[in-house]
């Protein structure tokens, strides 16, 4: 005979910090490289993400001046697709969990 299944106590407190960490979005980060021209990086951001020219240019300058830029944020699967697309364009990109 099997023991009855235990049911969770509905009055138990849930650690909201753990839920928040699990629900944090992910980011696609593009890194500076010695190969691609700044105009090309701007073009990629406009073509792939559909960013207007000023936004694409600002992101490109962030990559150039700071070594990297977060170009998208959202669910992990979508960020992995964006990262793969950046690789297809010849850009260096990674996925990371958004900071708290």
N, C-alpha and C. Protein backbone atom coordinates (compact mmCIF):
# COMPACT_ATOMS: atom_id res chain seq x y z
N UNK A 1 0.84 -1.17 0.00
CA UNK A 1 0.00 0.00 0.00
C UNK A 1 0.89 1.24 0.00
N UNK A 2 0.56 2.19 -0.85
CA UNK A 2 1.36 3.40 -0.97
C UNK A 2 0.94 4.43 0.06
N UNK A 3 1.94 5.20 0.50
CA UNK A 3 1.64 6.28 1.43
C UNK A 3 0.94 7.39 0.67
N UNK A 4 0.06 8.11 1.35
CA UNK A 4 -0.62 9.22 0.68
C UNK A 4 0.39 10.30 0.30
N UNK A 5 0.13 10.98 -0.81
CA UNK A 5 1.00 12.07 -1.25
C UNK A 5 0.83 13.26 -0.34
N UNK A 6 1.93 13.87 -0.02
CA UNK A 6 1.88 15.08 0.81
C UNK A 6 1.52 16.26 -0.09
N UNK A 7 0.65 17.09 0.40
CA UNK A 7 0.30 18.29 -0.34
C UNK A 7 0.97 19.48 0.32
N UNK A 8 1.36 20.46 -0.45
CA UNK A 8 2.03 21.61 0.15
C UNK A 8 1.07 22.40 1.03
N UNK A 9 1.61 22.96 2.06
CA UNK A 9 0.84 23.80 2.96
C UNK A 9 0.62 25.13 2.26
N UNK A 10 -0.61 25.50 2.01
CA UNK A 10 -0.92 26.72 1.29
C UNK A 10 -0.53 27.97 2.05
N UNK A 11 -0.29 27.83 3.35
CA UNK A 11 0.11 28.98 4.15
C UNK A 11 1.62 29.19 4.14
N UNK A 12 2.37 28.28 3.49
CA UNK A 12 3.82 28.44 3.44
C UNK A 12 4.17 29.70 2.67
N UNK A 13 5.21 30.38 3.16
CA UNK A 13 5.67 31.57 2.45
C UNK A 13 6.59 31.16 1.32
N UNK A 14 6.45 31.83 0.20
CA UNK A 14 7.29 31.56 -0.96
C UNK A 14 8.38 32.62 -0.99
N UNK A 15 9.61 32.19 -1.22
CA UNK A 15 10.74 33.12 -1.31
C UNK A 15 10.63 33.88 -2.63
N UNK A 16 10.20 35.12 -2.55
CA UNK A 16 9.98 35.94 -3.74
C UNK A 16 11.30 36.21 -4.45
N UNK A 17 12.40 36.30 -3.73
CA UNK A 17 13.71 36.53 -4.34
C UNK A 17 14.08 35.45 -5.33
N UNK A 18 13.78 34.20 -5.00
CA UNK A 18 14.07 33.11 -5.91
C UNK A 18 13.21 33.19 -7.15
N UNK A 19 11.95 33.51 -6.99
CA UNK A 19 11.07 33.64 -8.15
C UNK A 19 11.55 34.77 -9.05
N UNK A 20 11.94 35.89 -8.46
CA UNK A 20 12.38 37.03 -9.26
C UNK A 20 13.64 36.67 -10.04
N UNK A 21 14.58 35.97 -9.41
CA UNK A 21 15.80 35.58 -10.11
C UNK A 21 15.49 34.64 -11.26
N UNK A 22 14.56 33.73 -11.05
CA UNK A 22 14.20 32.78 -12.10
C UNK A 22 13.48 33.47 -13.26
N UNK A 23 12.77 34.54 -12.95
CA UNK A 23 11.99 35.24 -13.97
C UNK A 23 12.78 36.36 -14.65
N UNK A 24 14.01 36.58 -14.22
CA UNK A 24 14.81 37.64 -14.84
C UNK A 24 14.98 37.38 -16.33
N UNK A 25 14.93 38.42 -17.14
CA UNK A 25 15.12 38.22 -18.57
C UNK A 25 16.58 37.92 -18.92
N UNK A 26 16.79 37.54 -20.14
CA UNK A 26 18.12 37.27 -20.68
C UNK A 26 18.48 38.38 -21.65
N UNK A 27 19.75 38.49 -21.97
CA UNK A 27 20.21 39.55 -22.86
C UNK A 27 21.06 38.98 -23.98
N UNK A 28 20.98 39.63 -25.13
CA UNK A 28 21.91 39.38 -26.22
C UNK A 28 22.92 40.51 -26.18
N UNK A 29 24.19 40.14 -26.06
CA UNK A 29 25.27 41.11 -25.97
C UNK A 29 26.15 40.99 -27.21
N UNK A 30 26.39 42.11 -27.88
CA UNK A 30 27.30 42.14 -29.02
C UNK A 30 28.61 42.75 -28.54
N UNK A 31 29.72 42.10 -28.93
CA UNK A 31 31.06 42.48 -28.48
C UNK A 31 31.84 43.13 -29.62
N UNK A 32 32.74 44.02 -29.23
CA UNK A 32 33.61 44.67 -30.21
C UNK A 32 34.54 43.63 -30.82
N UNK A 33 34.85 43.81 -32.08
CA UNK A 33 35.79 42.92 -32.75
C UNK A 33 36.66 43.74 -33.69
N UNK A 34 37.80 43.22 -34.08
CA UNK A 34 38.71 43.98 -34.93
C UNK A 34 38.40 43.87 -36.42
N UNK A 35 37.31 43.24 -36.78
CA UNK A 35 37.04 42.92 -38.18
C UNK A 35 35.98 43.82 -38.81
N UNK A 36 34.84 43.95 -38.15
CA UNK A 36 33.68 44.60 -38.76
C UNK A 36 33.74 46.12 -38.66
N UNK A 37 33.37 46.78 -39.75
CA UNK A 37 33.31 48.24 -39.77
C UNK A 37 32.13 48.73 -38.95
N UNK A 38 32.27 49.91 -38.39
CA UNK A 38 31.18 50.49 -37.59
C UNK A 38 29.91 50.65 -38.42
N UNK A 39 30.06 51.02 -39.68
CA UNK A 39 28.89 51.19 -40.55
C UNK A 39 28.17 49.86 -40.76
N UNK A 40 28.94 48.78 -40.83
CA UNK A 40 28.33 47.46 -41.01
C UNK A 40 27.56 47.05 -39.75
N UNK A 41 28.14 47.30 -38.58
CA UNK A 41 27.47 46.95 -37.33
C UNK A 41 26.15 47.72 -37.22
N UNK A 42 26.18 49.00 -37.56
CA UNK A 42 24.96 49.80 -37.56
C UNK A 42 23.94 49.22 -38.53
N UNK A 43 24.40 48.84 -39.71
CA UNK A 43 23.53 48.23 -40.72
C UNK A 43 22.87 46.96 -40.18
N UNK A 44 23.64 46.11 -39.52
CA UNK A 44 23.10 44.86 -38.97
C UNK A 44 22.01 45.16 -37.94
N UNK A 45 22.27 46.09 -37.05
CA UNK A 45 21.29 46.43 -36.01
C UNK A 45 20.01 46.97 -36.64
N UNK A 46 20.13 47.73 -37.71
CA UNK A 46 18.95 48.28 -38.39
C UNK A 46 18.20 47.18 -39.13
N UNK A 47 18.95 46.36 -39.86
CA UNK A 47 18.31 45.33 -40.69
C UNK A 47 17.70 44.22 -39.85
N UNK A 48 18.44 43.69 -38.89
CA UNK A 48 17.94 42.54 -38.14
C UNK A 48 16.92 42.95 -37.08
N UNK A 49 17.28 43.93 -36.24
CA UNK A 49 16.39 44.31 -35.14
C UNK A 49 15.35 45.35 -35.55
N UNK A 50 15.57 46.00 -36.69
CA UNK A 50 14.64 47.04 -37.12
C UNK A 50 14.78 48.33 -36.35
N UNK A 51 15.94 48.54 -35.71
CA UNK A 51 16.15 49.76 -34.95
C UNK A 51 16.25 50.95 -35.90
N UNK A 52 15.72 52.10 -35.48
CA UNK A 52 15.91 53.30 -36.28
C UNK A 52 17.41 53.67 -36.28
N UNK A 53 17.82 54.44 -37.28
CA UNK A 53 19.24 54.76 -37.44
C UNK A 53 19.88 55.34 -36.17
N UNK A 54 19.24 56.30 -35.47
CA UNK A 54 19.89 56.84 -34.26
C UNK A 54 20.13 55.77 -33.18
N UNK A 55 19.18 54.87 -32.99
CA UNK A 55 19.33 53.81 -31.97
C UNK A 55 20.42 52.82 -32.39
N UNK A 56 20.41 52.42 -33.65
CA UNK A 56 21.42 51.49 -34.15
C UNK A 56 22.80 52.10 -34.04
N UNK A 57 22.92 53.37 -34.37
CA UNK A 57 24.21 54.07 -34.30
C UNK A 57 24.68 54.16 -32.84
N UNK A 58 23.78 54.48 -31.93
CA UNK A 58 24.14 54.58 -30.51
C UNK A 58 24.62 53.23 -29.97
N UNK A 59 23.95 52.15 -30.34
CA UNK A 59 24.38 50.82 -29.91
C UNK A 59 25.75 50.47 -30.48
N UNK A 60 25.96 50.81 -31.76
CA UNK A 60 27.25 50.55 -32.38
C UNK A 60 28.35 51.32 -31.65
N UNK A 61 28.10 52.58 -31.27
CA UNK A 61 29.10 53.36 -30.54
C UNK A 61 29.38 52.77 -29.16
N UNK A 62 28.35 52.22 -28.54
CA UNK A 62 28.54 51.56 -27.25
C UNK A 62 29.45 50.34 -27.41
N UNK A 63 29.22 49.57 -28.47
CA UNK A 63 30.08 48.42 -28.75
C UNK A 63 31.51 48.90 -28.97
N UNK A 64 31.66 49.93 -29.80
CA UNK A 64 32.99 50.43 -30.15
C UNK A 64 33.72 51.05 -28.96
N UNK A 65 33.03 51.87 -28.19
CA UNK A 65 33.67 52.62 -27.10
C UNK A 65 33.78 51.85 -25.79
N UNK A 66 32.84 50.95 -25.53
CA UNK A 66 32.82 50.24 -24.24
C UNK A 66 33.11 48.75 -24.39
N UNK A 67 33.26 48.29 -25.61
CA UNK A 67 33.60 46.89 -25.83
C UNK A 67 32.42 45.96 -26.01
N UNK A 68 31.23 46.41 -25.65
CA UNK A 68 30.04 45.58 -25.82
C UNK A 68 28.79 46.43 -25.62
N UNK A 69 27.66 45.88 -26.05
CA UNK A 69 26.36 46.53 -25.83
C UNK A 69 25.28 45.47 -25.76
N UNK A 70 24.31 45.70 -24.90
CA UNK A 70 23.12 44.85 -24.84
C UNK A 70 22.19 45.33 -25.95
N UNK A 71 21.94 44.46 -26.92
CA UNK A 71 21.13 44.84 -28.07
C UNK A 71 19.70 44.33 -27.99
N UNK A 72 19.43 43.39 -27.09
CA UNK A 72 18.07 42.87 -26.92
C UNK A 72 17.96 42.22 -25.55
N UNK A 73 16.74 42.19 -25.04
CA UNK A 73 16.48 41.58 -23.73
C UNK A 73 15.12 40.89 -23.79
N UNK A 74 15.05 39.68 -23.22
CA UNK A 74 13.79 38.94 -23.22
C UNK A 74 14.00 37.50 -22.84
N UNK A 75 13.11 36.62 -23.28
CA UNK A 75 13.22 35.20 -22.94
C UNK A 75 14.50 34.58 -23.51
N UNK A 76 15.02 33.61 -22.81
CA UNK A 76 16.29 33.00 -23.19
C UNK A 76 16.29 32.47 -24.63
N UNK A 77 15.23 31.77 -25.01
CA UNK A 77 15.18 31.17 -26.34
C UNK A 77 15.28 32.24 -27.43
N UNK A 78 14.60 33.36 -27.22
CA UNK A 78 14.64 34.44 -28.21
C UNK A 78 16.04 35.07 -28.26
N UNK A 79 16.68 35.21 -27.10
CA UNK A 79 18.02 35.79 -27.07
C UNK A 79 19.03 34.86 -27.74
N UNK A 80 18.82 33.56 -27.61
CA UNK A 80 19.69 32.60 -28.30
C UNK A 80 19.53 32.71 -29.81
N UNK A 81 18.30 32.92 -30.28
CA UNK A 81 18.07 33.13 -31.71
C UNK A 81 18.75 34.40 -32.20
N UNK A 82 18.63 35.47 -31.42
CA UNK A 82 19.30 36.73 -31.79
C UNK A 82 20.81 36.55 -31.85
N UNK A 83 21.35 35.83 -30.88
CA UNK A 83 22.80 35.62 -30.84
C UNK A 83 23.24 34.82 -32.06
N UNK A 84 22.51 33.79 -32.39
CA UNK A 84 22.82 33.00 -33.58
C UNK A 84 22.77 33.86 -34.85
N UNK A 85 21.77 34.74 -34.92
CA UNK A 85 21.66 35.64 -36.07
C UNK A 85 22.85 36.58 -36.14
N UNK A 86 23.29 37.09 -34.99
CA UNK A 86 24.46 37.98 -34.99
C UNK A 86 25.69 37.23 -35.50
N UNK A 87 25.82 35.97 -35.11
CA UNK A 87 26.93 35.14 -35.61
C UNK A 87 26.83 34.97 -37.12
N UNK A 88 25.61 34.79 -37.62
CA UNK A 88 25.41 34.65 -39.06
C UNK A 88 25.83 35.91 -39.81
N UNK A 89 25.69 37.06 -39.16
CA UNK A 89 26.14 38.32 -39.75
C UNK A 89 27.64 38.55 -39.56
N UNK A 90 28.28 37.67 -38.82
CA UNK A 90 29.72 37.80 -38.59
C UNK A 90 30.09 38.62 -37.36
N UNK A 91 29.11 38.91 -36.50
CA UNK A 91 29.39 39.66 -35.28
C UNK A 91 29.62 38.71 -34.11
N UNK A 92 30.38 39.17 -33.15
CA UNK A 92 30.60 38.40 -31.93
C UNK A 92 29.47 38.73 -30.97
N UNK A 93 28.77 37.70 -30.48
CA UNK A 93 27.64 37.92 -29.58
C UNK A 93 27.51 36.75 -28.60
N UNK A 94 26.96 37.07 -27.43
CA UNK A 94 26.72 36.05 -26.41
C UNK A 94 25.37 36.31 -25.77
N UNK A 95 24.91 35.31 -25.01
CA UNK A 95 23.68 35.41 -24.23
C UNK A 95 24.08 35.41 -22.77
N UNK A 96 23.42 36.26 -21.99
CA UNK A 96 23.64 36.26 -20.54
C UNK A 96 22.35 36.61 -19.83
N UNK A 97 22.28 36.23 -18.58
CA UNK A 97 21.13 36.57 -17.75
C UNK A 97 21.24 38.05 -17.37
N UNK A 98 20.13 38.74 -17.44
CA UNK A 98 20.12 40.17 -17.09
C UNK A 98 20.50 40.34 -15.63
N UNK A 99 21.29 41.35 -15.32
CA UNK A 99 21.63 41.59 -13.90
C UNK A 99 20.39 41.97 -13.10
N UNK A 100 20.47 41.73 -11.81
CA UNK A 100 19.33 42.07 -10.92
C UNK A 100 19.21 43.55 -10.77
